[in-house]
């Protein structure tokens, strides 16, 4: 195998620390390397990692299982990535905070990050060294070679520029733009009340193949009584599908009804509109003194009997939403 200076240096240091590891004793069982993840690439049962090329940096995470009968609380990992004209190495040590219990203790170790120069085939080799406290020496643990295939990314059938949903008084306005489309049959707009289960709402035909900026709009007339979630399901002429990000829309805030009081001037009683039965109404005189307080009945009648002729401030409702009006009596 190709061994970089980094890997060779670590190996020599470990061997030096153990006095070249006496061969008089049989090597104990140490552990096994399982899943390797390099960014979005994850190894399968055949130790292969496949996916469209991503430039990186790509975080390298190695899963390791302790198969020995003793605690392993000092581990060292080396990672070597090789390709045509390319090599990159990582070294990482872990102490007691990442200790693994005996007979099956397992954990995932973040070893650093690498960047791949482009699409192609790569070999990624991971080696583990375990410190044996009984022997007071570093032992070479398992080594594993993985095959990473970074394929040339396939152009997306639709390049989505934006996807938005805006709550309005009695509907939701949904719009999206595409920078280009390739064999695009159309778009299904889907809606959900929990962000998990989506149902088709409206179909919009696509433009087929185009590199021109295009815009689409749909209006959902469903009353906004709760938060709703929307997404696009784009379908190409071959039946392949891809989904947009999900957008959430909260109910639009409705303006409070505007209250009125009439007639003005009034005598004996007045009528209040725009306020529900049971709403508190208070009348204050010109000096700011409370002259009368009552709750409206279902007809919105305001009792003025016994009030001196004057101009009053009428306060309808409570708190920040209270409305203030003027009413003259005679």
C-alpha atoms as a PDB file:
ATOM      1  CA  UNK A   1       0.000   0.000   0.000  1.00  0.00           C
ATOM      2  CA  UNK A   2       0.960   3.619  -0.399  1.00  0.00           C
ATOM      3  CA  UNK A   3       2.058   4.930   2.994  1.00  0.00           C
ATOM      4  CA  UNK A   4       2.382   8.655   3.387  1.00  0.00           C
ATOM      5  CA  UNK A   5       4.933  10.279   5.616  1.00  0.00           C
ATOM      6  CA  UNK A   6       2.183  11.058   8.148  1.00  0.00           C
ATOM      7  CA  UNK A   7       1.151   7.433   8.561  1.00  0.00           C
ATOM      8  CA  UNK A   8       4.736   6.162   8.570  1.00  0.00           C
ATOM      9  CA  UNK A   9       5.711   8.703  11.232  1.00  0.00           C
ATOM     10  CA  UNK A  10       2.857   7.700  13.544  1.00  0.00           C
ATOM     11  CA  UNK A  11       3.605   4.019  13.130  1.00  0.00           C
ATOM     12  CA  UNK A  12       7.287   4.539  13.956  1.00  0.00           C
ATOM     13  CA  UNK A  13       6.426   6.564  17.062  1.00  0.00           C
ATOM     14  CA  UNK A  14       4.061   3.884  18.324  1.00  0.00           C
ATOM     15  CA  UNK A  15       6.576   1.126  17.727  1.00  0.00           C
ATOM     16  CA  UNK A  16       9.273   3.142  19.459  1.00  0.00           C
ATOM     17  CA  UNK A  17       7.008   3.681  22.496  1.00  0.00           C
ATOM     18  CA  UNK A  18       6.522  -0.066  22.991  1.00  0.00           C
ATOM     19  CA  UNK A  19      10.129  -1.033  22.421  1.00  0.00           C
ATOM     20  CA  UNK A  20       9.294  -2.617  19.099  1.00  0.00           C
ATOM     21  CA  UNK A  21       6.488  -4.718  20.689  1.00  0.00           C
ATOM     22  CA  UNK A  22       7.904  -7.981  22.061  1.00  0.00           C
ATOM     23  CA  UNK A  23       6.867 -11.002  19.982  1.00  0.00           C
ATOM     24  CA  UNK A  24       7.092 -13.388  22.955  1.00  0.00           C
ATOM     25  CA  UNK A  25       3.411 -12.851  23.767  1.00  0.00           C
ATOM     26  CA  UNK A  26       0.472 -13.705  21.542  1.00  0.00           C
ATOM     27  CA  UNK A  27      -1.409 -10.686  20.224  1.00  0.00           C
ATOM     28  CA  UNK A  28      -4.703 -10.298  22.146  1.00  0.00           C
ATOM     29  CA  UNK A  29      -8.076  -9.754  20.513  1.00  0.00           C
ATOM     30  CA  UNK A  30      -8.648  -6.016  20.127  1.00  0.00           C
ATOM     31  CA  UNK A  31     -11.680  -4.999  18.032  1.00  0.00           C
ATOM     32  CA  UNK A  32     -13.132  -4.427  14.596  1.00  0.00           C
ATOM     33  CA  UNK A  33     -13.750  -1.509  12.265  1.00  0.00           C
ATOM     34  CA  UNK A  34     -17.309  -1.332  10.952  1.00  0.00           C
ATOM     35  CA  UNK A  35     -19.023   1.570   9.204  1.00  0.00           C
ATOM     36  CA  UNK A  36     -16.986   4.386   7.651  1.00  0.00           C
ATOM     37  CA  UNK A  37     -18.653   7.668   6.683  1.00  0.00           C
ATOM     38  CA  UNK A  38     -16.916  10.306   4.582  1.00  0.00           C
ATOM     39  CA  UNK A  39     -19.332  13.227   4.413  1.00  0.00           C
ATOM     40  CA  UNK A  40     -22.449  11.917   2.624  1.00  0.00           C
ATOM     41  CA  UNK A  41     -20.708   8.689   1.569  1.00  0.00           C
ATOM     42  CA  UNK A  42     -21.413   5.740   3.906  1.00  0.00           C
ATOM     43  CA  UNK A  43     -19.891   2.277   3.565  1.00  0.00           C
ATOM     44  CA  UNK A  44     -22.151  -0.658   2.685  1.00  0.00           C
ATOM     45  CA  UNK A  45     -21.803  -4.343   3.518  1.00  0.00           C
ATOM     46  CA  UNK A  46     -19.065  -4.623   0.870  1.00  0.00           C
ATOM     47  CA  UNK A  47     -17.018  -1.751   2.374  1.00  0.00           C
ATOM     48  CA  UNK A  48     -17.880   0.431  -0.595  1.00  0.00           C
ATOM     49  CA  UNK A  49     -18.887   4.097  -0.392  1.00  0.00           C
ATOM     50  CA  UNK A  50     -20.747   5.475  -3.404  1.00  0.00           C
ATOM     51  CA  UNK A  51     -22.432   8.725  -4.339  1.00  0.00           C
ATOM     52  CA  UNK A  52     -22.246  11.864  -6.488  1.00  0.00           C
ATOM     53  CA  UNK A  53     -19.031  13.836  -6.069  1.00  0.00           C
ATOM     54  CA  UNK A  54     -18.909  16.506  -3.352  1.00  0.00           C
ATOM     55  CA  UNK A  55     -15.906  18.781  -3.037  1.00  0.00           C
ATOM     56  CA  UNK A  56     -15.764  18.935   0.744  1.00  0.00           C
ATOM     57  CA  UNK A  57     -14.461  19.368   3.317  1.00  0.00           C
ATOM     58  CA  UNK A  58     -15.943  15.967   4.151  1.00  0.00           C
ATOM     59  CA  UNK A  59     -16.022  14.845   7.787  1.00  0.00           C
ATOM     60  CA  UNK A  60     -14.567  11.355   8.303  1.00  0.00           C
ATOM     61  CA  UNK A  61     -16.373   9.256  10.947  1.00  0.00           C
ATOM     62  CA  UNK A  62     -15.286   5.703  11.788  1.00  0.00           C
ATOM     63  CA  UNK A  63     -17.304   3.225  13.866  1.00  0.00           C
ATOM     64  CA  UNK A  64     -15.200   0.851  15.967  1.00  0.00           C
ATOM     65  CA  UNK A  65     -16.209  -2.043  18.234  1.00  0.00           C
ATOM     66  CA  UNK A  66     -14.152  -3.309  21.177  1.00  0.00           C
ATOM     67  CA  UNK A  67     -14.186  -7.131  21.015  1.00  0.00           C
ATOM     68  CA  UNK A  68     -11.621  -7.635  23.796  1.00  0.00           C
ATOM     69  CA  UNK A  69     -12.471  -8.609  27.407  1.00  0.00           C
ATOM     70  CA  UNK A  70     -10.980  -5.382  28.820  1.00  0.00           C
ATOM     71  CA  UNK A  71     -11.808  -1.680  28.741  1.00  0.00           C
ATOM     72  CA  UNK A  72     -10.178   0.272  25.911  1.00  0.00           C
ATOM     73  CA  UNK A  73      -9.691   3.879  26.991  1.00  0.00           C
ATOM     74  CA  UNK A  74      -6.741   4.957  24.824  1.00  0.00           C
ATOM     75  CA  UNK A  75      -7.135   4.669  21.057  1.00  0.00           C
ATOM     76  CA  UNK A  76      -5.278   6.108  18.082  1.00  0.00           C
ATOM     77  CA  UNK A  77      -6.638   6.175  14.525  1.00  0.00           C
ATOM     78  CA  UNK A  78      -4.892   6.856  11.246  1.00  0.00           C
ATOM     79  CA  UNK A  79      -6.731   7.422   7.968  1.00  0.00           C
ATOM     80  CA  UNK A  80      -5.144   7.414   4.539  1.00  0.00           C
ATOM     81  CA  UNK A  81      -7.055   8.396   1.373  1.00  0.00           C
ATOM     82  CA  UNK A  82      -5.467   7.561  -1.992  1.00  0.00           C
ATOM     83  CA  UNK A  83      -6.312   8.307  -5.606  1.00  0.00           C
ATOM     84  CA  UNK A  84      -4.513   9.099  -8.869  1.00  0.00           C
ATOM     85  CA  UNK A  85      -2.034  11.853  -7.987  1.00  0.00           C
ATOM     86  CA  UNK A  86      -3.763  12.339  -4.609  1.00  0.00           C
ATOM     87  CA  UNK A  87      -3.183  11.300  -1.001  1.00  0.00           C
ATOM     88  CA  UNK A  88      -4.324  12.729   2.311  1.00  0.00           C
ATOM     89  CA  UNK A  89      -3.809  11.508   5.865  1.00  0.00           C
ATOM     90  CA  UNK A  90      -5.395  12.026   9.291  1.00  0.00           C
ATOM     91  CA  UNK A  91      -4.289  11.142  12.843  1.00  0.00           C
ATOM     92  CA  UNK A  92      -6.538  11.293  15.880  1.00  0.00           C
ATOM     93  CA  UNK A  93      -6.096  10.183  19.509  1.00  0.00           C
ATOM     94  CA  UNK A  94      -8.918   9.457  21.976  1.00  0.00           C
ATOM     95  CA  UNK A  95      -8.645   9.035  25.744  1.00  0.00           C
ATOM     96  CA  UNK A  96     -10.966   8.033  28.586  1.00  0.00           C
ATOM     97  CA  UNK A  97     -13.841  10.254  27.414  1.00  0.00           C
ATOM     98  CA  UNK A  98     -14.286   7.926  24.441  1.00  0.00           C
ATOM     99  CA  UNK A  99     -13.477   4.714  26.315  1.00  0.00           C
ATOM    100  CA  UNK A 100     -15.161   1.521  25.107  1.00  0.00           C
ATOM    101  CA  UNK A 101     -16.450  -1.188  27.427  1.00  0.00           C
ATOM    102  CA  UNK A 102     -15.308  -4.783  26.975  1.00  0.00           C
ATOM    103  CA  UNK A 103     -16.963  -7.414  24.791  1.00  0.00           C
ATOM    104  CA  UNK A 104     -18.820  -5.245  22.317  1.00  0.00           C
ATOM    105  CA  UNK A 105     -18.496  -1.621  23.416  1.00  0.00           C
ATOM    106  CA  UNK A 106     -18.957   0.480  20.288  1.00  0.00           C
ATOM    107  CA  UNK A 107     -18.787   4.150  19.306  1.00  0.00           C
ATOM    108  CA  UNK A 108     -18.283   6.428  16.315  1.00  0.00           C
ATOM    109  CA  UNK A 109     -15.140   8.552  16.172  1.00  0.00           C
ATOM    110  CA  UNK A 110     -14.824  11.805  14.232  1.00  0.00           C
ATOM    111  CA  UNK A 111     -11.323  11.712  12.768  1.00  0.00           C
ATOM    112  CA  UNK A 112     -11.169  15.036  10.907  1.00  0.00           C
ATOM    113  CA  UNK A 113     -12.045  15.984   7.357  1.00  0.00           C
ATOM    114  CA  UNK A 114     -10.707  15.473   3.859  1.00  0.00           C
ATOM    115  CA  UNK A 115     -11.427  16.965   0.443  1.00  0.00           C
ATOM    116  CA  UNK A 116     -11.548  14.926  -2.747  1.00  0.00           C
ATOM    117  CA  UNK A 117     -10.044  16.567  -5.848  1.00  0.00           C
ATOM    118  CA  UNK A 118     -12.843  15.413  -8.158  1.00  0.00           C
ATOM    119  CA  UNK A 119     -15.011  12.494  -9.287  1.00  0.00           C
ATOM    120  CA  UNK A 120     -13.224   9.154  -9.389  1.00  0.00           C
ATOM    121  CA  UNK A 121     -12.231   6.058  -7.421  1.00  0.00           C
ATOM    122  CA  UNK A 122     -10.386   6.302  -4.110  1.00  0.00           C
ATOM    123  CA  UNK A 123      -9.069   3.921  -1.472  1.00  0.00           C
ATOM    124  CA  UNK A 124      -9.529   4.879   2.171  1.00  0.00           C
ATOM    125  CA  UNK A 125      -7.565   2.871   4.756  1.00  0.00           C
ATOM    126  CA  UNK A 126      -8.221   3.113   8.497  1.00  0.00           C
ATOM    127  CA  UNK A 127      -5.820   1.683  11.127  1.00  0.00           C
ATOM    128  CA  UNK A 128      -6.402   1.497  14.874  1.00  0.00           C
ATOM    129  CA  UNK A 129      -3.828   1.333  17.684  1.00  0.00           C
ATOM    130  CA  UNK A 130      -4.909   0.399  21.210  1.00  0.00           C
ATOM    131  CA  UNK A 131      -2.931   1.036  24.390  1.00  0.00           C
ATOM    132  CA  UNK A 132      -2.732  -2.131  26.522  1.00  0.00           C
ATOM    133  CA  UNK A 133      -2.399  -0.980  30.134  1.00  0.00           C
ATOM    134  CA  UNK A 134      -1.515  -4.445  31.415  1.00  0.00           C
ATOM    135  CA  UNK A 135       1.402  -4.708  29.004  1.00  0.00           C
ATOM    136  CA  UNK A 136       2.056  -0.944  29.035  1.00  0.00           C
ATOM    137  CA  UNK A 137       2.412  -0.867  25.289  1.00  0.00           C
ATOM    138  CA  UNK A 138       0.603   0.216  22.124  1.00  0.00           C
ATOM    139  CA  UNK A 139      -0.803  -2.664  20.093  1.00  0.00           C
ATOM    140  CA  UNK A 140      -1.588  -2.537  16.401  1.00  0.00           C
ATOM    141  CA  UNK A 141      -5.330  -3.147  16.070  1.00  0.00           C
ATOM    142  CA  UNK A 142      -7.472  -3.863  13.025  1.00  0.00           C
ATOM    143  CA  UNK A 143      -6.854  -2.280   9.645  1.00  0.00           C
ATOM    144  CA  UNK A 144      -9.481  -1.946   6.946  1.00  0.00           C
ATOM    145  CA  UNK A 145      -9.510  -0.693   3.357  1.00  0.00           C
ATOM    146  CA  UNK A 146     -12.660   0.880   1.912  1.00  0.00           C
ATOM    147  CA  UNK A 147     -13.405   1.720  -1.725  1.00  0.00           C
ATOM    148  CA  UNK A 148     -14.935   5.164  -2.331  1.00  0.00           C
ATOM    149  CA  UNK A 149     -16.519   5.889  -5.715  1.00  0.00           C
ATOM    150  CA  UNK A 150     -17.408   9.572  -6.261  1.00  0.00           C
ATOM    151  CA  UNK A 151     -19.479   9.664  -9.425  1.00  0.00           C
ATOM    152  CA  UNK A 152     -19.962  12.640 -11.728  1.00  0.00           C
ATOM    153  CA  UNK A 153     -23.075  14.477 -10.500  1.00  0.00           C
ATOM    154  CA  UNK A 154     -26.111  14.206 -12.758  1.00  0.00           C
ATOM    155  CA  UNK A 155     -27.621  17.605 -13.580  1.00  0.00           C
ATOM    156  CA  UNK A 156     -30.927  18.084 -11.775  1.00  0.00           C
ATOM    157  CA  UNK A 157     -33.955  18.084 -14.079  1.00  0.00           C
ATOM    158  CA  UNK A 158     -35.082  21.369 -12.489  1.00  0.00           C
ATOM    159  CA  UNK A 159     -32.941  24.130 -11.000  1.00  0.00           C
ATOM    160  CA  UNK A 160     -35.247  25.641  -8.390  1.00  0.00           C
ATOM    161  CA  UNK A 161     -34.407  29.280  -7.609  1.00  0.00           C
ATOM    162  CA  UNK A 162     -37.071  29.986  -4.985  1.00  0.00           C
ATOM    163  CA  UNK A 163     -40.150  28.466  -3.361  1.00  0.00           C
ATOM    164  CA  UNK A 164     -42.260  30.642  -1.051  1.00  0.00           C
ATOM    165  CA  UNK A 165     -45.692  30.638   0.580  1.00  0.00           C
ATOM    166  CA  UNK A 166     -47.309  33.784   1.987  1.00  0.00           C
ATOM    167  CA  UNK A 167     -50.394  33.844   4.220  1.00  0.00           C
ATOM    168  CA  UNK A 168     -53.095  36.289   3.202  1.00  0.00           C
ATOM    169  CA  UNK A 169     -56.445  37.217   4.729  1.00  0.00           C
ATOM    170  CA  UNK A 170     -58.380  34.268   3.280  1.00  0.00           C
ATOM    171  CA  UNK A 171     -55.831  32.184   1.405  1.00  0.00           C
ATOM    172  CA  UNK A 172     -52.167  31.292   0.917  1.00  0.00           C
ATOM    173  CA  UNK A 173     -50.187  32.532  -2.109  1.00  0.00           C
ATOM    174  CA  UNK A 174     -47.551  30.006  -3.219  1.00  0.00           C
ATOM    175  CA  UNK A 175     -44.951  30.863  -5.846  1.00  0.00           C
ATOM    176  CA  UNK A 176     -41.749  29.395  -7.215  1.00  0.00           C
ATOM    177  CA  UNK A 177     -39.154  30.135  -9.867  1.00  0.00           C
ATOM    178  CA  UNK A 178     -36.927  27.871 -11.931  1.00  0.00           C
ATOM    179  CA  UNK A 179     -33.691  28.881 -13.609  1.00  0.00           C
ATOM    180  CA  UNK A 180     -33.779  25.887 -15.958  1.00  0.00           C
ATOM    181  CA  UNK A 181     -35.856  22.782 -16.630  1.00  0.00           C
ATOM    182  CA  UNK A 182     -34.915  19.555 -18.368  1.00  0.00           C
ATOM    183  CA  UNK A 183     -37.666  17.164 -19.500  1.00  0.00           C
ATOM    184  CA  UNK A 184     -39.939  18.631 -16.856  1.00  0.00           C
ATOM    185  CA  UNK A 185     -43.471  17.232 -17.027  1.00  0.00           C
ATOM    186  CA  UNK A 186     -44.828  19.360 -14.182  1.00  0.00           C
ATOM    187  CA  UNK A 187     -45.124  20.168 -10.487  1.00  0.00           C
ATOM    188  CA  UNK A 188     -47.446  18.783  -7.837  1.00  0.00           C
ATOM    189  CA  UNK A 189     -47.991  21.247  -5.001  1.00  0.00           C
ATOM    190  CA  UNK A 190     -48.520  19.229  -1.818  1.00  0.00           C
ATOM    191  CA  UNK A 191     -49.935  20.338   1.540  1.00  0.00           C
ATOM    192  CA  UNK A 192     -49.656  18.995   5.087  1.00  0.00           C
ATOM    193  CA  UNK A 193     -50.953  19.946   8.518  1.00  0.00           C
ATOM    194  CA  UNK A 194     -48.085  18.326  10.442  1.00  0.00           C
ATOM    195  CA  UNK A 195     -45.094  18.594   8.075  1.00  0.00           C
ATOM    196  CA  UNK A 196     -44.930  14.791   7.731  1.00  0.00           C
ATOM    197  CA  UNK A 197     -47.934  13.471   5.797  1.00  0.00           C
ATOM    198  CA  UNK A 198     -48.464  15.399   2.528  1.00  0.00           C
ATOM    199  CA  UNK A 199     -51.398  15.240   0.108  1.00  0.00           C
ATOM    200  CA  UNK A 200     -51.538  16.533  -3.503  1.00  0.00           C
ATOM    201  CA  UNK A 201     -53.210  19.926  -3.791  1.00  0.00           C
ATOM    202  CA  UNK A 202     -52.634  21.276  -7.312  1.00  0.00           C
ATOM    203  CA  UNK A 203     -50.818  20.239 -10.493  1.00  0.00           C
ATOM    204  CA  UNK A 204     -49.013  22.781 -12.701  1.00  0.00           C
ATOM    205  CA  UNK A 205     -47.547  21.786 -16.062  1.00  0.00           C
ATOM    206  CA  UNK A 206     -43.811  22.297 -16.523  1.00  0.00           C
ATOM    207  CA  UNK A 207     -42.001  23.887 -19.469  1.00  0.00           C
ATOM    208  CA  UNK A 208     -40.374  20.700 -20.769  1.00  0.00           C
ATOM    209  CA  UNK A 209     -36.808  21.781 -21.468  1.00  0.00           C
ATOM    210  CA  UNK A 210     -35.779  25.409 -21.107  1.00  0.00           C
ATOM    211  CA  UNK A 211     -32.927  27.524 -19.767  1.00  0.00           C
ATOM    212  CA  UNK A 212     -35.118  30.597 -19.318  1.00  0.00           C
ATOM    213  CA  UNK A 213     -36.157  31.876 -15.903  1.00  0.00           C
ATOM    214  CA  UNK A 214     -39.793  30.894 -15.302  1.00  0.00           C
ATOM    215  CA  UNK A 215     -42.239  31.742 -12.534  1.00  0.00           C
ATOM    216  CA  UNK A 216     -45.276  29.845 -11.225  1.00  0.00           C
ATOM    217  CA  UNK A 217     -48.076  30.852  -8.861  1.00  0.00           C
ATOM    218  CA  UNK A 218     -50.839  28.944  -7.065  1.00  0.00           C
ATOM    219  CA  UNK A 219     -53.407  30.184  -4.547  1.00  0.00           C
ATOM    220  CA  UNK A 220     -54.661  27.874  -1.795  1.00  0.00           C
ATOM    221  CA  UNK A 221     -58.115  29.059  -0.741  1.00  0.00           C
ATOM    222  CA  UNK A 222     -58.167  26.916   2.409  1.00  0.00           C
ATOM    223  CA  UNK A 223     -59.013  29.152   5.391  1.00  0.00           C
ATOM    224  CA  UNK A 224     -55.900  29.626   7.500  1.00  0.00           C
ATOM    225  CA  UNK A 225     -57.066  28.249  10.846  1.00  0.00           C
ATOM    226  CA  UNK A 226     -53.725  26.581  11.648  1.00  0.00           C
ATOM    227  CA  UNK A 227     -50.156  26.303  10.390  1.00  0.00           C
ATOM    228  CA  UNK A 228     -49.862  24.485   7.069  1.00  0.00           C
ATOM    229  CA  UNK A 229     -46.814  23.057   5.287  1.00  0.00           C
ATOM    230  CA  UNK A 230     -46.173  23.047   1.540  1.00  0.00           C
ATOM    231  CA  UNK A 231     -43.694  21.361  -0.792  1.00  0.00           C
ATOM    232  CA  UNK A 232     -43.240  20.767  -4.527  1.00  0.00           C
ATOM    233  CA  UNK A 233     -42.989  17.338  -6.108  1.00  0.00           C
ATOM    234  CA  UNK A 234     -41.377  17.822  -9.514  1.00  0.00           C
ATOM    235  CA  UNK A 235     -42.038  15.054 -12.053  1.00  0.00           C
ATOM    236  CA  UNK A 236     -40.065  14.601 -15.281  1.00  0.00           C
ATOM    237  CA  UNK A 237     -41.331  13.019 -18.494  1.00  0.00           C
ATOM    238  CA  UNK A 238     -39.817   9.679 -17.478  1.00  0.00           C
ATOM    239  CA  UNK A 239     -41.675   9.588 -14.162  1.00  0.00           C
ATOM    240  CA  UNK A 240     -38.683  10.451 -11.985  1.00  0.00           C
ATOM    241  CA  UNK A 241     -39.474  12.719  -9.033  1.00  0.00           C
ATOM    242  CA  UNK A 242     -37.665  15.156  -6.769  1.00  0.00           C
ATOM    243  CA  UNK A 243     -38.920  17.219  -3.841  1.00  0.00           C
ATOM    244  CA  UNK A 244     -38.393  20.838  -2.868  1.00  0.00           C
ATOM    245  CA  UNK A 245     -37.675  22.022   0.679  1.00  0.00           C
ATOM    246  CA  UNK A 246     -40.753  22.310   2.914  1.00  0.00           C
ATOM    247  CA  UNK A 247     -42.102  25.767   3.793  1.00  0.00           C
ATOM    248  CA  UNK A 248     -44.427  26.475   6.753  1.00  0.00           C
ATOM    249  CA  UNK A 249     -47.137  29.119   6.776  1.00  0.00           C
ATOM    250  CA  UNK A 250     -48.775  30.347   9.991  1.00  0.00           C
ATOM    251  CA  UNK A 251     -52.323  31.773   9.933  1.00  0.00           C
ATOM    252  CA  UNK A 252     -52.502  35.409   8.893  1.00  0.00           C
ATOM    253  CA  UNK A 253     -53.365  37.779  11.724  1.00  0.00           C
ATOM    254  CA  UNK A 254     -56.832  39.105  11.182  1.00  0.00           C
ATOM    255  CA  UNK A 255     -57.524  42.736  11.966  1.00  0.00           C
ATOM    256  CA  UNK A 256     -59.926  43.261  14.834  1.00  0.00           C
ATOM    257  CA  UNK A 257     -63.394  44.532  13.761  1.00  0.00           C
ATOM    258  CA  UNK A 258     -63.727  48.304  13.990  1.00  0.00           C
ATOM    259  CA  UNK A 259     -66.317  49.232  16.602  1.00  0.00           C
ATOM    260  CA  UNK A 260     -68.755  52.095  16.154  1.00  0.00           C
ATOM    261  CA  UNK A 261     -71.283  53.713  18.440  1.00  0.00           C
ATOM    262  CA  UNK A 262     -74.399  55.540  17.171  1.00  0.00           C
ATOM    263  CA  UNK A 263     -76.294  57.786  17.169  1.00  0.00           C
ATOM    264  CA  UNK A 264     -74.257  60.671  18.481  1.00  0.00           C
ATOM    265  CA  UNK A 265     -75.591  62.655  20.141  1.00  0.00           C
ATOM    266  CA  UNK A 266     -77.862  60.093  21.825  1.00  0.00           C
ATOM    267  CA  UNK A 267     -80.354  60.001  24.661  1.00  0.00           C
ATOM    268  CA  UNK A 268     -81.448  57.012  26.722  1.00  0.00           C
ATOM    269  CA  UNK A 269     -79.511  54.408  24.750  1.00  0.00           C
ATOM    270  CA  UNK A 270     -77.019  53.947  21.920  1.00  0.00           C
ATOM    271  CA  UNK A 271     -75.981  51.027  19.707  1.00  0.00           C
ATOM    272  CA  UNK A 272     -72.467  49.539  19.534  1.00  0.00           C
ATOM    273  CA  UNK A 273     -71.432  47.562  16.439  1.00  0.00           C
ATOM    274  CA  UNK A 274     -68.257  45.584  15.815  1.00  0.00           C
ATOM    275  CA  UNK A 275     -68.120  44.196  19.378  1.00  0.00           C
ATOM    276  CA  UNK A 276     -69.430  40.847  20.592  1.00  0.00           C
ATOM    277  CA  UNK A 277     -72.055  40.421  23.275  1.00  0.00           C
ATOM    278  CA  UNK A 278     -70.495  40.434  26.730  1.00  0.00           C
ATOM    279  CA  UNK A 279     -67.785  42.935  25.753  1.00  0.00           C
ATOM    280  CA  UNK A 280     -66.996  45.415  28.511  1.00  0.00           C
ATOM    281  CA  UNK A 281     -67.868  49.066  27.790  1.00  0.00           C
ATOM    282  CA  UNK A 282     -66.837  52.002  29.992  1.00  0.00           C
ATOM    283  CA  UNK A 283     -67.820  55.666  29.722  1.00  0.00           C
ATOM    284  CA  UNK A 284     -65.548  58.420  31.082  1.00  0.00           C
ATOM    285  CA  UNK A 285     -66.530  62.076  31.466  1.00  0.00           C
ATOM    286  CA  UNK A 286     -64.454  65.062  30.398  1.00  0.00           C
ATOM    287  CA  UNK A 287     -62.518  64.943  33.688  1.00  0.00           C
ATOM    288  CA  UNK A 288     -61.556  61.299  33.109  1.00  0.00           C
ATOM    289  CA  UNK A 289     -63.883  59.938  35.791  1.00  0.00           C
ATOM    290  CA  UNK A 290     -65.640  56.609  35.199  1.00  0.00           C
ATOM    291  CA  UNK A 291     -69.318  57.472  34.671  1.00  0.00           C
ATOM    292  CA  UNK A 292     -70.701  54.068  33.713  1.00  0.00           C
ATOM    293  CA  UNK A 293     -69.552  50.488  33.075  1.00  0.00           C
ATOM    294  CA  UNK A 294     -71.557  47.661  31.580  1.00  0.00           C
ATOM    295  CA  UNK A 295     -71.288  44.574  29.373  1.00  0.00           C
ATOM    296  CA  UNK A 296     -72.969  44.638  26.005  1.00  0.00           C
ATOM    297  CA  UNK A 297     -75.950  42.404  25.406  1.00  0.00           C
ATOM    298  CA  UNK A 298     -76.361  40.394  22.222  1.00  0.00           C
ATOM    299  CA  UNK A 299     -77.939  43.395  20.465  1.00  0.00           C
ATOM    300  CA  UNK A 300     -75.100  45.775  21.380  1.00  0.00           C
ATOM    301  CA  UNK A 301     -77.337  48.169  23.348  1.00  0.00           C
ATOM    302  CA  UNK A 302     -75.591  50.731  25.560  1.00  0.00           C
ATOM    303  CA  UNK A 303     -77.699  52.134  28.442  1.00  0.00           C
ATOM    304  CA  UNK A 304     -77.361  55.919  28.800  1.00  0.00           C
ATOM    305  CA  UNK A 305     -80.300  56.556  31.170  1.00  0.00           C
ATOM    306  CA  UNK A 306     -79.495  58.968  33.975  1.00  0.00           C
ATOM    307  CA  UNK A 307     -76.281  60.303  32.408  1.00  0.00           C
ATOM    308  CA  UNK A 308     -75.936  64.094  32.320  1.00  0.00           C
ATOM    309  CA  UNK A 309     -75.749  65.689  28.894  1.00  0.00           C
ATOM    310  CA  UNK A 310     -72.074  65.792  27.978  1.00  0.00           C
ATOM    311  CA  UNK A 311     -69.386  64.329  25.741  1.00  0.00           C
ATOM    312  CA  UNK A 312     -67.985  60.984  26.904  1.00  0.00           C
ATOM    313  CA  UNK A 313     -65.049  58.801  25.976  1.00  0.00           C
ATOM    314  CA  UNK A 314     -66.342  55.273  25.278  1.00  0.00           C
ATOM    315  CA  UNK A 315     -63.796  52.485  25.862  1.00  0.00           C
ATOM    316  CA  UNK A 316     -64.847  49.189  24.246  1.00  0.00           C
ATOM    317  CA  UNK A 317     -62.910  46.066  25.293  1.00  0.00           C
ATOM    318  CA  UNK A 318     -59.858  45.561  27.499  1.00  0.00           C
ATOM    319  CA  UNK A 319     -56.117  46.011  27.307  1.00  0.00           C
ATOM    320  CA  UNK A 320     -54.151  46.781  24.163  1.00  0.00           C
ATOM    321  CA  UNK A 321     -57.034  45.769  21.890  1.00  0.00           C
ATOM    322  CA  UNK A 322     -59.517  48.215  23.476  1.00  0.00           C
ATOM    323  CA  UNK A 323     -61.044  50.779  21.113  1.00  0.00           C
ATOM    324  CA  UNK A 324     -61.812  54.357  22.141  1.00  0.00           C
ATOM    325  CA  UNK A 325     -64.643  56.390  20.681  1.00  0.00           C
ATOM    326  CA  UNK A 326     -66.498  59.663  21.407  1.00  0.00           C
ATOM    327  CA  UNK A 327     -70.197  59.866  22.266  1.00  0.00           C
ATOM    328  CA  UNK A 328     -72.286  62.948  23.009  1.00  0.00           C
ATOM    329  CA  UNK A 329     -75.504  62.755  25.071  1.00  0.00           C
ATOM    330  CA  UNK A 330     -78.369  65.240  25.506  1.00  0.00           C
END
